[in-house]
């Protein structure tokens, strides 16, 4: 019998409402990962009451690569042991929500063996174990509008710069734009695509 190499995939979900379309995307992606013989590990930022803001002590400890928030320790350990990463989030005001930005700010600690180190030539990513990232989003604005008129923040900043600086060399953005006025058929087709997508980690 051929042994299947099961991948540990961290799924970071950022939405406060479990009846949202974003949550429906989460359900399809989690089911998809399991069916593809992966091992998905969910980080539900709102449900786990993650605090995305710094206090004085947390900021002081940042410079030592430390934290006093147990969720930060837990999340960074999960990322260090994973083979891939998936973000599932709405787009608010043309970029990622503050909760997810706070996750990047607090969890990504500087130091060897953490998420990144700072060198004379810039930031060197330590999360090279995360071979690829997928970013699933929904937006009120059409996708073309985000790309052409709003700076294309998810692709150009979040994937091509922030994630690359952390050591994640490549990423794919999947967005359902114009969701407010989208038809039921369009939404169902998007969910079907999320369920049937082949992930490459």
N, C-alpha and C. Protein backbone atom coordinates (compact mmCIF):
# COMPACT_ATOMS: atom_id res chain seq x y z
N UNK A 1 0.84 -1.19 0.00
CA UNK A 1 0.00 0.00 0.00
C UNK A 1 0.88 1.25 0.00
N UNK A 2 0.55 2.18 -0.87
CA UNK A 2 1.31 3.43 -0.96
C UNK A 2 0.96 4.35 0.20
N UNK A 3 2.00 4.84 0.88
CA UNK A 3 1.79 5.75 1.99
C UNK A 3 1.58 7.17 1.47
N UNK A 4 0.59 7.84 1.98
CA UNK A 4 0.27 9.19 1.56
C UNK A 4 0.96 10.19 2.48
N UNK A 5 1.67 11.12 1.89
CA UNK A 5 2.37 12.14 2.66
C UNK A 5 1.37 13.23 3.05
N UNK A 6 0.88 13.16 4.27
CA UNK A 6 -0.11 14.13 4.72
C UNK A 6 0.57 15.44 5.09
N UNK A 7 0.05 16.55 4.56
CA UNK A 7 0.60 17.87 4.83
C UNK A 7 -0.16 18.56 5.97
N UNK A 8 0.58 19.21 6.83
CA UNK A 8 -0.03 20.04 7.87
C UNK A 8 -0.24 21.44 7.31
N UNK A 9 -1.49 21.85 7.21
CA UNK A 9 -1.82 23.15 6.63
C UNK A 9 -2.52 24.01 7.67
N UNK A 10 -1.96 25.17 7.95
CA UNK A 10 -2.58 26.12 8.88
C UNK A 10 -3.55 27.01 8.10
N UNK A 11 -4.78 27.05 8.55
CA UNK A 11 -5.82 27.89 7.94
C UNK A 11 -6.13 29.02 8.91
N UNK A 12 -5.89 30.25 8.48
CA UNK A 12 -6.14 31.42 9.33
C UNK A 12 -7.42 32.08 8.84
N UNK A 13 -8.43 32.04 9.70
CA UNK A 13 -9.76 32.54 9.35
C UNK A 13 -10.04 33.82 10.13
N UNK A 14 -10.48 34.85 9.40
CA UNK A 14 -10.68 36.16 10.02
C UNK A 14 -12.04 36.73 9.64
N UNK A 15 -13.05 36.37 10.41
CA UNK A 15 -14.39 36.96 10.23
C UNK A 15 -15.18 36.71 11.50
N UNK A 16 -15.91 37.72 11.99
CA UNK A 16 -16.63 37.57 13.27
C UNK A 16 -17.98 36.86 13.18
N UNK A 17 -18.48 36.63 11.95
CA UNK A 17 -19.87 36.16 11.81
C UNK A 17 -19.89 34.79 11.14
N UNK A 18 -20.42 33.79 11.85
CA UNK A 18 -20.37 32.43 11.33
C UNK A 18 -21.45 32.12 10.30
N UNK A 19 -22.29 33.11 9.96
CA UNK A 19 -23.27 32.93 8.89
C UNK A 19 -22.87 33.72 7.64
N UNK A 20 -21.66 34.21 7.60
CA UNK A 20 -21.18 34.99 6.47
C UNK A 20 -20.81 34.08 5.30
N UNK A 21 -20.71 34.68 4.13
CA UNK A 21 -20.25 33.93 2.97
C UNK A 21 -18.80 33.52 3.15
N UNK A 22 -18.03 34.35 3.82
CA UNK A 22 -16.63 34.00 4.09
C UNK A 22 -16.54 32.72 4.90
N UNK A 23 -17.49 32.54 5.83
CA UNK A 23 -17.50 31.29 6.61
C UNK A 23 -17.87 30.10 5.72
N UNK A 24 -18.73 30.32 4.74
CA UNK A 24 -19.06 29.26 3.80
C UNK A 24 -17.83 28.85 3.00
N UNK A 25 -17.01 29.82 2.63
CA UNK A 25 -15.74 29.52 1.95
C UNK A 25 -14.85 28.68 2.86
N UNK A 26 -14.77 29.07 4.12
CA UNK A 26 -13.98 28.31 5.09
C UNK A 26 -14.41 26.85 5.13
N UNK A 27 -15.71 26.61 5.20
CA UNK A 27 -16.22 25.24 5.27
C UNK A 27 -15.79 24.43 4.06
N UNK A 28 -15.91 25.02 2.87
CA UNK A 28 -15.54 24.31 1.65
C UNK A 28 -14.04 24.03 1.59
N UNK A 29 -13.24 25.00 1.99
CA UNK A 29 -11.78 24.83 1.97
C UNK A 29 -11.34 23.75 2.96
N UNK A 30 -11.91 23.77 4.16
CA UNK A 30 -11.55 22.76 5.17
C UNK A 30 -11.92 21.36 4.68
N UNK A 31 -13.11 21.23 4.10
CA UNK A 31 -13.52 19.92 3.57
C UNK A 31 -12.62 19.49 2.42
N UNK A 32 -12.26 20.43 1.57
CA UNK A 32 -11.37 20.15 0.45
C UNK A 32 -10.02 19.64 0.94
N UNK A 33 -9.43 20.33 1.91
CA UNK A 33 -8.13 19.93 2.43
C UNK A 33 -8.17 18.51 2.99
N UNK A 34 -9.23 18.20 3.72
CA UNK A 34 -9.35 16.86 4.30
C UNK A 34 -9.48 15.81 3.22
N UNK A 35 -10.27 16.10 2.20
CA UNK A 35 -10.46 15.15 1.10
C UNK A 35 -9.18 14.94 0.30
N UNK A 36 -8.29 15.94 0.29
CA UNK A 36 -7.01 15.81 -0.41
C UNK A 36 -5.93 15.23 0.50
N UNK A 37 -6.36 14.62 1.62
CA UNK A 37 -5.46 13.94 2.55
C UNK A 37 -4.45 14.88 3.20
N UNK A 38 -4.89 16.11 3.43
CA UNK A 38 -4.10 17.04 4.22
C UNK A 38 -4.64 17.08 5.64
N UNK A 39 -3.87 17.68 6.53
CA UNK A 39 -4.29 17.84 7.92
C UNK A 39 -4.45 19.33 8.21
N UNK A 40 -5.67 19.88 8.05
CA UNK A 40 -5.87 21.31 8.29
C UNK A 40 -5.96 21.63 9.78
N UNK A 41 -5.27 22.69 10.18
CA UNK A 41 -5.33 23.19 11.56
C UNK A 41 -5.87 24.62 11.51
N UNK A 42 -6.99 24.84 12.14
CA UNK A 42 -7.68 26.11 12.04
C UNK A 42 -7.28 27.08 13.14
N UNK A 43 -6.96 28.31 12.72
CA UNK A 43 -6.83 29.44 13.63
C UNK A 43 -8.00 30.36 13.34
N UNK A 44 -8.96 30.40 14.23
CA UNK A 44 -10.15 31.24 14.09
C UNK A 44 -9.96 32.46 15.00
N UNK A 45 -9.48 33.55 14.44
CA UNK A 45 -9.01 34.68 15.24
C UNK A 45 -10.10 35.27 16.12
N UNK A 46 -11.30 35.45 15.58
CA UNK A 46 -12.37 36.04 16.39
C UNK A 46 -12.88 35.04 17.43
N UNK A 47 -13.10 33.82 17.02
CA UNK A 47 -13.65 32.82 17.93
C UNK A 47 -12.70 32.50 19.07
N UNK A 48 -11.39 32.63 18.81
CA UNK A 48 -10.39 32.36 19.84
C UNK A 48 -10.03 33.62 20.63
N UNK A 49 -10.73 34.71 20.34
CA UNK A 49 -10.56 35.97 21.08
C UNK A 49 -9.11 36.47 21.06
N UNK A 50 -8.49 36.37 19.88
CA UNK A 50 -7.14 36.90 19.73
C UNK A 50 -7.16 38.41 19.87
N UNK A 51 -6.23 38.94 20.66
CA UNK A 51 -6.10 40.39 20.83
C UNK A 51 -5.04 40.89 19.86
N UNK A 52 -5.43 41.63 18.81
CA UNK A 52 -4.47 42.04 17.78
C UNK A 52 -3.63 43.25 18.15
N UNK A 53 -3.87 43.84 19.31
CA UNK A 53 -3.18 45.08 19.67
C UNK A 53 -2.02 44.81 20.63
N UNK A 54 -1.03 45.67 20.55
CA UNK A 54 0.11 45.62 21.46
C UNK A 54 -0.20 46.35 22.76
N UNK A 55 0.29 45.81 23.88
CA UNK A 55 0.40 46.62 25.08
C UNK A 55 1.89 46.91 25.29
N UNK A 56 2.22 47.68 26.32
CA UNK A 56 3.61 48.10 26.50
C UNK A 56 4.54 46.92 26.72
N UNK A 57 4.08 45.94 27.49
CA UNK A 57 4.93 44.79 27.78
C UNK A 57 5.16 43.94 26.54
N UNK A 58 4.11 43.76 25.75
CA UNK A 58 4.25 42.97 24.52
C UNK A 58 5.22 43.64 23.55
N UNK A 59 5.16 44.96 23.46
CA UNK A 59 6.07 45.67 22.57
C UNK A 59 7.51 45.57 23.06
N UNK A 60 7.70 45.63 24.38
CA UNK A 60 9.04 45.48 24.93
C UNK A 60 9.60 44.10 24.62
N UNK A 61 8.76 43.08 24.78
CA UNK A 61 9.20 41.71 24.55
C UNK A 61 9.45 41.41 23.07
N UNK A 62 8.80 42.18 22.20
CA UNK A 62 8.99 41.97 20.76
C UNK A 62 10.45 42.03 20.37
N UNK A 63 11.18 42.96 20.95
CA UNK A 63 12.58 43.16 20.59
C UNK A 63 13.47 42.03 21.10
N UNK A 64 12.91 41.16 21.95
CA UNK A 64 13.64 39.99 22.42
C UNK A 64 13.11 38.71 21.77
N UNK A 65 12.18 38.85 20.83
CA UNK A 65 11.58 37.70 20.20
C UNK A 65 10.67 36.93 21.13
N UNK A 66 10.12 37.61 22.12
CA UNK A 66 9.29 36.96 23.14
C UNK A 66 7.89 37.55 23.15
N UNK A 67 7.02 36.94 23.95
CA UNK A 67 5.64 37.41 24.09
C UNK A 67 5.10 37.02 25.45
N UNK A 68 4.07 37.73 25.90
CA UNK A 68 3.36 37.28 27.10
C UNK A 68 1.93 36.87 26.75
N UNK A 69 1.65 36.75 25.47
CA UNK A 69 0.33 36.30 24.98
C UNK A 69 0.44 34.83 24.59
N UNK A 70 -0.22 33.91 25.31
CA UNK A 70 -0.09 32.48 24.99
C UNK A 70 -0.57 32.12 23.59
N UNK A 71 -1.51 32.89 23.03
CA UNK A 71 -1.95 32.60 21.67
C UNK A 71 -0.85 32.88 20.65
N UNK A 72 -0.05 33.90 20.90
CA UNK A 72 1.06 34.19 20.01
C UNK A 72 2.03 33.02 19.99
N UNK A 73 2.36 32.49 21.16
CA UNK A 73 3.25 31.33 21.26
C UNK A 73 2.66 30.13 20.52
N UNK A 74 1.38 29.88 20.75
CA UNK A 74 0.69 28.76 20.10
C UNK A 74 0.69 28.92 18.58
N UNK A 75 0.32 30.09 18.09
CA UNK A 75 0.20 30.31 16.65
C UNK A 75 1.56 30.21 15.94
N UNK A 76 2.59 30.80 16.53
CA UNK A 76 3.91 30.75 15.90
C UNK A 76 4.44 29.33 15.85
N UNK A 77 4.19 28.55 16.88
CA UNK A 77 4.60 27.14 16.87
C UNK A 77 3.88 26.38 15.76
N UNK A 78 2.58 26.64 15.59
CA UNK A 78 1.83 26.00 14.52
C UNK A 78 2.42 26.34 13.16
N UNK A 79 2.77 27.61 12.95
CA UNK A 79 3.32 28.04 11.68
C UNK A 79 4.69 27.41 11.42
N UNK A 80 5.50 27.29 12.45
CA UNK A 80 6.83 26.71 12.29
C UNK A 80 6.77 25.24 11.93
N UNK A 81 5.69 24.57 12.30
CA UNK A 81 5.57 23.13 12.07
C UNK A 81 4.71 22.78 10.85
N UNK A 82 4.19 23.79 10.17
CA UNK A 82 3.27 23.55 9.05
C UNK A 82 4.00 23.44 7.72
N UNK A 83 3.29 22.89 6.74
CA UNK A 83 3.83 22.76 5.38
C UNK A 83 3.25 23.81 4.43
N UNK A 84 2.15 24.43 4.81
CA UNK A 84 1.52 25.43 3.97
C UNK A 84 0.56 26.27 4.78
N UNK A 85 0.11 27.36 4.19
CA UNK A 85 -0.76 28.29 4.92
C UNK A 85 -1.86 28.81 4.00
N UNK A 86 -3.05 28.96 4.57
CA UNK A 86 -4.20 29.51 3.85
C UNK A 86 -4.82 30.61 4.69
N UNK A 87 -5.10 31.75 4.08
CA UNK A 87 -5.82 32.84 4.74
C UNK A 87 -7.21 32.92 4.14
N UNK A 88 -8.22 33.07 4.99
CA UNK A 88 -9.59 33.26 4.54
C UNK A 88 -10.15 34.48 5.26
N UNK A 89 -10.43 35.53 4.50
CA UNK A 89 -10.75 36.82 5.13
C UNK A 89 -11.55 37.70 4.17
N UNK A 90 -12.36 38.59 4.69
CA UNK A 90 -12.95 39.61 3.82
C UNK A 90 -11.92 40.68 3.51
N UNK A 91 -12.19 41.47 2.48
CA UNK A 91 -11.41 42.68 2.22
C UNK A 91 -12.23 43.84 2.75
N UNK A 92 -11.65 44.59 3.68
CA UNK A 92 -12.31 45.76 4.24
C UNK A 92 -11.47 46.99 3.92
N UNK A 93 -12.09 47.98 3.33
CA UNK A 93 -11.39 49.20 2.94
C UNK A 93 -10.15 48.89 2.11
N UNK A 94 -10.33 47.99 1.15
CA UNK A 94 -9.34 47.71 0.10
C UNK A 94 -8.13 46.91 0.56
N UNK A 95 -8.17 46.38 1.79
CA UNK A 95 -7.02 45.61 2.28
C UNK A 95 -7.50 44.61 3.33
N UNK A 96 -6.58 44.00 4.04
CA UNK A 96 -6.94 43.03 5.06
C UNK A 96 -7.50 43.73 6.29
N UNK A 97 -8.38 43.08 7.05
CA UNK A 97 -8.94 43.69 8.26
C UNK A 97 -7.87 43.91 9.34
N UNK A 98 -8.19 44.81 10.27
CA UNK A 98 -7.27 45.11 11.35
C UNK A 98 -6.92 43.89 12.18
N UNK A 99 -7.86 42.98 12.37
CA UNK A 99 -7.60 41.77 13.14
C UNK A 99 -6.48 40.95 12.51
N UNK A 100 -6.52 40.80 11.20
CA UNK A 100 -5.50 40.02 10.51
C UNK A 100 -4.17 40.77 10.46
N UNK A 101 -4.23 42.07 10.29
CA UNK A 101 -3.00 42.87 10.33
C UNK A 101 -2.35 42.74 11.70
N UNK A 102 -3.17 42.75 12.76
CA UNK A 102 -2.64 42.58 14.11
C UNK A 102 -2.03 41.21 14.32
N UNK A 103 -2.60 40.19 13.67
CA UNK A 103 -2.01 38.84 13.74
C UNK A 103 -0.59 38.86 13.18
N UNK A 104 -0.42 39.51 12.02
CA UNK A 104 0.92 39.61 11.44
C UNK A 104 1.84 40.40 12.36
N UNK A 105 1.34 41.51 12.88
CA UNK A 105 2.16 42.36 13.74
C UNK A 105 2.66 41.62 14.98
N UNK A 106 1.76 40.90 15.66
CA UNK A 106 2.10 40.31 16.96
C UNK A 106 2.74 38.93 16.88
N UNK A 107 2.26 38.11 15.95
CA UNK A 107 2.73 36.72 15.92
C UNK A 107 4.09 36.60 15.24
N UNK A 108 4.34 37.43 14.25
CA UNK A 108 5.59 37.31 13.50
C UNK A 108 6.74 37.96 14.27
N UNK A 109 7.42 37.14 15.04
CA UNK A 109 8.48 37.61 15.93
C UNK A 109 9.84 37.56 15.25
N UNK A 110 10.63 38.59 15.55
CA UNK A 110 11.98 38.65 15.01
C UNK A 110 12.92 37.79 15.83
N UNK A 111 13.72 37.00 15.13
CA UNK A 111 14.71 36.17 15.81
C UNK A 111 14.96 34.88 15.05
N UNK A 112 16.15 34.36 15.16
CA UNK A 112 16.50 33.11 14.48
C UNK A 112 15.58 32.00 14.96
N UNK A 113 14.99 31.28 14.02
CA UNK A 113 14.08 30.20 14.38
C UNK A 113 12.67 30.67 14.66
N UNK A 114 12.41 31.98 14.48
CA UNK A 114 11.05 32.51 14.66
C UNK A 114 10.48 32.80 13.27
N UNK A 115 9.96 33.98 13.02
CA UNK A 115 9.36 34.22 11.70
C UNK A 115 10.28 34.96 10.74
N UNK A 116 11.21 35.77 11.27
CA UNK A 116 12.09 36.53 10.40
C UNK A 116 13.26 37.10 11.19
N UNK A 117 14.32 37.43 10.50
CA UNK A 117 15.44 38.16 11.08
C UNK A 117 15.68 39.41 10.23
N UNK A 118 16.22 40.43 10.87
CA UNK A 118 16.52 41.67 10.17
C UNK A 118 18.03 41.73 9.91
N UNK A 119 18.38 41.88 8.64
CA UNK A 119 19.79 41.95 8.26
C UNK A 119 20.11 43.35 7.72
N UNK A 120 21.35 43.56 7.35
CA UNK A 120 21.76 44.85 6.81
C UNK A 120 21.09 45.14 5.47
N UNK A 121 20.67 44.09 4.78
CA UNK A 121 20.05 44.27 3.47
C UNK A 121 18.53 44.15 3.49
N UNK A 122 17.96 43.95 4.68
CA UNK A 122 16.51 43.87 4.77
C UNK A 122 16.04 42.72 5.64
N UNK A 123 14.79 42.34 5.46
CA UNK A 123 14.18 41.29 6.27
C UNK A 123 14.41 39.93 5.60
N UNK A 124 14.88 38.96 6.40
CA UNK A 124 15.10 37.60 5.92
C UNK A 124 14.06 36.69 6.55
N UNK A 125 13.21 36.07 5.74
CA UNK A 125 12.15 35.22 6.24
C UNK A 125 12.66 33.90 6.79
N UNK A 126 12.08 33.48 7.91
CA UNK A 126 12.44 32.21 8.53
C UNK A 126 11.38 31.13 8.30
N UNK A 127 10.20 31.52 7.80
CA UNK A 127 9.11 30.55 7.62
C UNK A 127 9.18 29.90 6.24
N UNK A 128 10.38 29.45 5.88
CA UNK A 128 10.57 28.83 4.57
C UNK A 128 9.93 27.44 4.49
N UNK A 129 9.51 26.90 5.62
CA UNK A 129 8.78 25.63 5.62
C UNK A 129 7.39 25.79 4.99
N UNK A 130 6.88 27.02 4.96
CA UNK A 130 5.58 27.29 4.35
C UNK A 130 5.82 27.55 2.86
N UNK A 131 5.70 26.49 2.06
CA UNK A 131 6.11 26.56 0.67
C UNK A 131 5.22 27.46 -0.18
N UNK A 132 3.95 27.57 0.20
CA UNK A 132 3.01 28.30 -0.64
C UNK A 132 1.86 28.81 0.22
N UNK A 133 1.31 29.96 -0.16
CA UNK A 133 0.16 30.53 0.54
C UNK A 133 -1.00 30.69 -0.43
N UNK A 134 -2.21 30.45 0.08
CA UNK A 134 -3.44 30.75 -0.65
C UNK A 134 -4.20 31.79 0.16
N UNK A 135 -4.70 32.82 -0.51
CA UNK A 135 -5.44 33.88 0.16
C UNK A 135 -6.83 33.96 -0.46
N UNK A 136 -7.83 33.49 0.29
CA UNK A 136 -9.22 33.53 -0.16
C UNK A 136 -9.88 34.78 0.43
N UNK A 137 -10.46 35.60 -0.41
CA UNK A 137 -11.10 36.83 0.06
C UNK A 137 -12.46 37.02 -0.59
N UNK A 138 -13.25 37.88 0.03
CA UNK A 138 -14.48 38.38 -0.56
C UNK A 138 -14.45 39.90 -0.45
N UNK A 139 -15.09 40.56 -1.40
CA UNK A 139 -15.06 42.02 -1.38
C UNK A 139 -16.34 42.60 -1.96
N UNK A 140 -16.72 43.75 -1.45
CA UNK A 140 -17.84 44.49 -2.02
C UNK A 140 -17.46 45.05 -3.39
N UNK A 141 -16.23 45.55 -3.50
CA UNK A 141 -15.75 46.07 -4.78
C UNK A 141 -15.47 44.92 -5.74
N UNK A 142 -15.66 45.14 -7.04
CA UNK A 142 -15.26 44.13 -8.03
C UNK A 142 -13.76 43.90 -7.98
N UNK A 143 -13.34 42.71 -8.32
CA UNK A 143 -11.91 42.38 -8.27
C UNK A 143 -11.09 43.29 -9.16
N UNK A 144 -11.58 43.60 -10.37
CA UNK A 144 -10.81 44.45 -11.28
C UNK A 144 -10.60 45.84 -10.68
N UNK A 145 -11.60 46.32 -9.91
CA UNK A 145 -11.48 47.65 -9.30
C UNK A 145 -10.38 47.65 -8.24
N UNK A 146 -10.31 46.57 -7.45
CA UNK A 146 -9.25 46.45 -6.44
C UNK A 146 -7.88 46.40 -7.09
N UNK A 147 -7.80 45.71 -8.22
CA UNK A 147 -6.52 45.57 -8.90
C UNK A 147 -6.08 46.85 -9.59
N UNK A 148 -7.00 47.52 -10.27
CA UNK A 148 -6.62 48.64 -11.12
C UNK A 148 -6.69 50.00 -10.45
N UNK A 149 -7.57 50.15 -9.47
CA UNK A 149 -7.81 51.48 -8.90
C UNK A 149 -7.53 51.60 -7.41
N UNK A 150 -7.30 50.50 -6.72
CA UNK A 150 -7.10 50.54 -5.26
C UNK A 150 -5.74 50.03 -4.82
N UNK A 151 -4.81 49.92 -5.76
CA UNK A 151 -3.45 49.55 -5.39
C UNK A 151 -3.15 48.07 -5.36
N UNK A 152 -4.19 47.22 -5.58
CA UNK A 152 -3.97 45.77 -5.60
C UNK A 152 -3.24 45.30 -4.34
N UNK A 153 -3.75 45.72 -3.18
CA UNK A 153 -3.04 45.53 -1.92
C UNK A 153 -2.83 44.06 -1.55
N UNK A 154 -3.80 43.20 -1.85
CA UNK A 154 -3.66 41.81 -1.46
C UNK A 154 -2.50 41.15 -2.21
N UNK A 155 -2.45 41.34 -3.52
CA UNK A 155 -1.40 40.72 -4.32
C UNK A 155 -0.07 41.44 -4.17
N UNK A 156 -0.08 42.77 -4.36
CA UNK A 156 1.19 43.50 -4.43
C UNK A 156 1.85 43.71 -3.07
N UNK A 157 1.04 43.89 -2.03
CA UNK A 157 1.62 44.16 -0.71
C UNK A 157 1.61 42.89 0.16
N UNK A 158 0.42 42.32 0.40
CA UNK A 158 0.31 41.21 1.35
C UNK A 158 1.05 39.96 0.86
N UNK A 159 0.81 39.55 -0.38
CA UNK A 159 1.43 38.32 -0.89
C UNK A 159 2.86 38.57 -1.36
N UNK A 160 3.05 39.59 -2.22
CA UNK A 160 4.35 39.77 -2.86
C UNK A 160 5.41 40.39 -1.95
N UNK A 161 4.99 41.01 -0.86
CA UNK A 161 5.98 41.63 0.02
C UNK A 161 5.90 41.09 1.45
N UNK A 162 4.76 41.25 2.12
CA UNK A 162 4.68 40.81 3.51
C UNK A 162 4.97 39.32 3.66
N UNK A 163 4.25 38.48 2.91
CA UNK A 163 4.46 37.04 3.04
C UNK A 163 5.84 36.61 2.56
N UNK A 164 6.34 37.24 1.49
CA UNK A 164 7.68 36.89 1.01
C UNK A 164 8.75 37.27 2.03
N UNK A 165 8.55 38.39 2.73
CA UNK A 165 9.51 38.77 3.76
C UNK A 165 9.53 37.78 4.92
N UNK A 166 8.46 37.03 5.07
CA UNK A 166 8.40 36.01 6.12
C UNK A 166 8.95 34.67 5.64
N UNK A 167 9.32 34.57 4.37
CA UNK A 167 9.90 33.35 3.85
C UNK A 167 8.97 32.51 3.01
N UNK A 168 7.73 33.00 2.79
CA UNK A 168 6.76 32.27 1.98
C UNK A 168 6.93 32.74 0.54
N UNK A 169 7.52 31.91 -0.28
CA UNK A 169 8.03 32.37 -1.58
C UNK A 169 6.96 32.63 -2.62
N UNK A 170 5.79 31.98 -2.52
CA UNK A 170 4.78 32.18 -3.55
C UNK A 170 3.38 32.15 -2.93
N UNK A 171 2.45 32.77 -3.64
CA UNK A 171 1.08 32.82 -3.13
C UNK A 171 0.07 33.02 -4.25
N UNK A 172 -1.14 32.59 -4.00
CA UNK A 172 -2.23 32.74 -4.97
C UNK A 172 -3.41 33.43 -4.29
N UNK A 173 -4.00 34.40 -4.99
CA UNK A 173 -5.14 35.16 -4.47
C UNK A 173 -6.40 34.71 -5.19
N UNK A 174 -7.42 34.33 -4.43
CA UNK A 174 -8.72 33.93 -4.97
C UNK A 174 -9.78 34.83 -4.35
N UNK A 175 -10.42 35.69 -5.15
CA UNK A 175 -11.38 36.65 -4.62
C UNK A 175 -12.74 36.52 -5.30
N UNK A 176 -13.80 36.64 -4.51
CA UNK A 176 -15.14 36.83 -5.07
C UNK A 176 -15.49 38.29 -4.88
N UNK A 177 -15.39 39.06 -5.96
CA UNK A 177 -15.68 40.48 -5.89
C UNK A 177 -17.14 40.79 -6.15
N UNK A 178 -17.55 41.99 -5.76
CA UNK A 178 -18.93 42.41 -5.96
C UNK A 178 -19.92 41.51 -5.24
N UNK A 179 -19.54 41.05 -4.07
CA UNK A 179 -20.34 40.02 -3.40
C UNK A 179 -21.72 40.53 -2.99
N UNK A 180 -21.85 41.80 -2.65
CA UNK A 180 -23.13 42.33 -2.18
C UNK A 180 -24.23 42.15 -3.22
N UNK A 181 -23.89 42.36 -4.49
CA UNK A 181 -24.88 42.26 -5.55
C UNK A 181 -24.73 40.99 -6.39
N UNK A 182 -23.97 40.04 -5.90
CA UNK A 182 -23.75 38.81 -6.67
C UNK A 182 -24.98 37.90 -6.60
N UNK A 183 -25.17 37.12 -7.64
CA UNK A 183 -26.31 36.20 -7.69
C UNK A 183 -26.02 34.95 -6.86
N UNK A 184 -27.08 34.26 -6.50
CA UNK A 184 -26.93 32.99 -5.77
C UNK A 184 -26.14 31.99 -6.60
N UNK A 185 -26.35 32.00 -7.90
CA UNK A 185 -25.63 31.09 -8.78
C UNK A 185 -24.13 31.37 -8.78
N UNK A 186 -23.78 32.64 -8.82
CA UNK A 186 -22.36 33.01 -8.81
C UNK A 186 -21.70 32.59 -7.50
N UNK A 187 -22.40 32.76 -6.41
CA UNK A 187 -21.85 32.36 -5.12
C UNK A 187 -21.67 30.85 -5.04
N UNK A 188 -22.64 30.12 -5.53
CA UNK A 188 -22.54 28.67 -5.49
C UNK A 188 -21.40 28.17 -6.38
N UNK A 189 -21.21 28.80 -7.52
CA UNK A 189 -20.10 28.42 -8.39
C UNK A 189 -18.76 28.69 -7.73
N UNK A 190 -18.68 29.78 -6.99
CA UNK A 190 -17.44 30.10 -6.28
C UNK A 190 -17.17 29.07 -5.18
N UNK A 191 -18.20 28.71 -4.43
CA UNK A 191 -18.03 27.69 -3.38
C UNK A 191 -17.62 26.35 -3.98
N UNK A 192 -18.20 26.01 -5.10
CA UNK A 192 -17.85 24.75 -5.78
C UNK A 192 -16.38 24.76 -6.20
N UNK A 193 -15.91 25.91 -6.69
CA UNK A 193 -14.51 26.03 -7.08
C UNK A 193 -13.59 25.89 -5.88
N UNK A 194 -14.00 26.47 -4.74
CA UNK A 194 -13.21 26.34 -3.50
C UNK A 194 -13.14 24.88 -3.05
N UNK A 195 -14.24 24.17 -3.22
CA UNK A 195 -14.31 22.77 -2.80
C UNK A 195 -13.46 21.86 -3.71
N UNK A 196 -13.35 22.23 -4.99
CA UNK A 196 -12.70 21.35 -5.96
C UNK A 196 -11.29 21.77 -6.32
N UNK A 197 -10.83 22.91 -5.81
CA UNK A 197 -9.48 23.38 -6.12
C UNK A 197 -8.42 22.38 -5.67
N UNK A 198 -7.41 22.22 -6.50
CA UNK A 198 -6.27 21.38 -6.14
C UNK A 198 -5.21 22.25 -5.49
N UNK A 199 -4.87 21.92 -4.25
CA UNK A 199 -3.84 22.69 -3.53
C UNK A 199 -2.48 22.05 -3.77
N UNK A 200 -1.50 22.90 -3.98
CA UNK A 200 -0.12 22.44 -4.18
C UNK A 200 0.78 23.04 -3.11
N UNK A 201 1.13 22.21 -2.16
CA UNK A 201 2.02 22.66 -1.08
C UNK A 201 3.34 21.87 -1.13
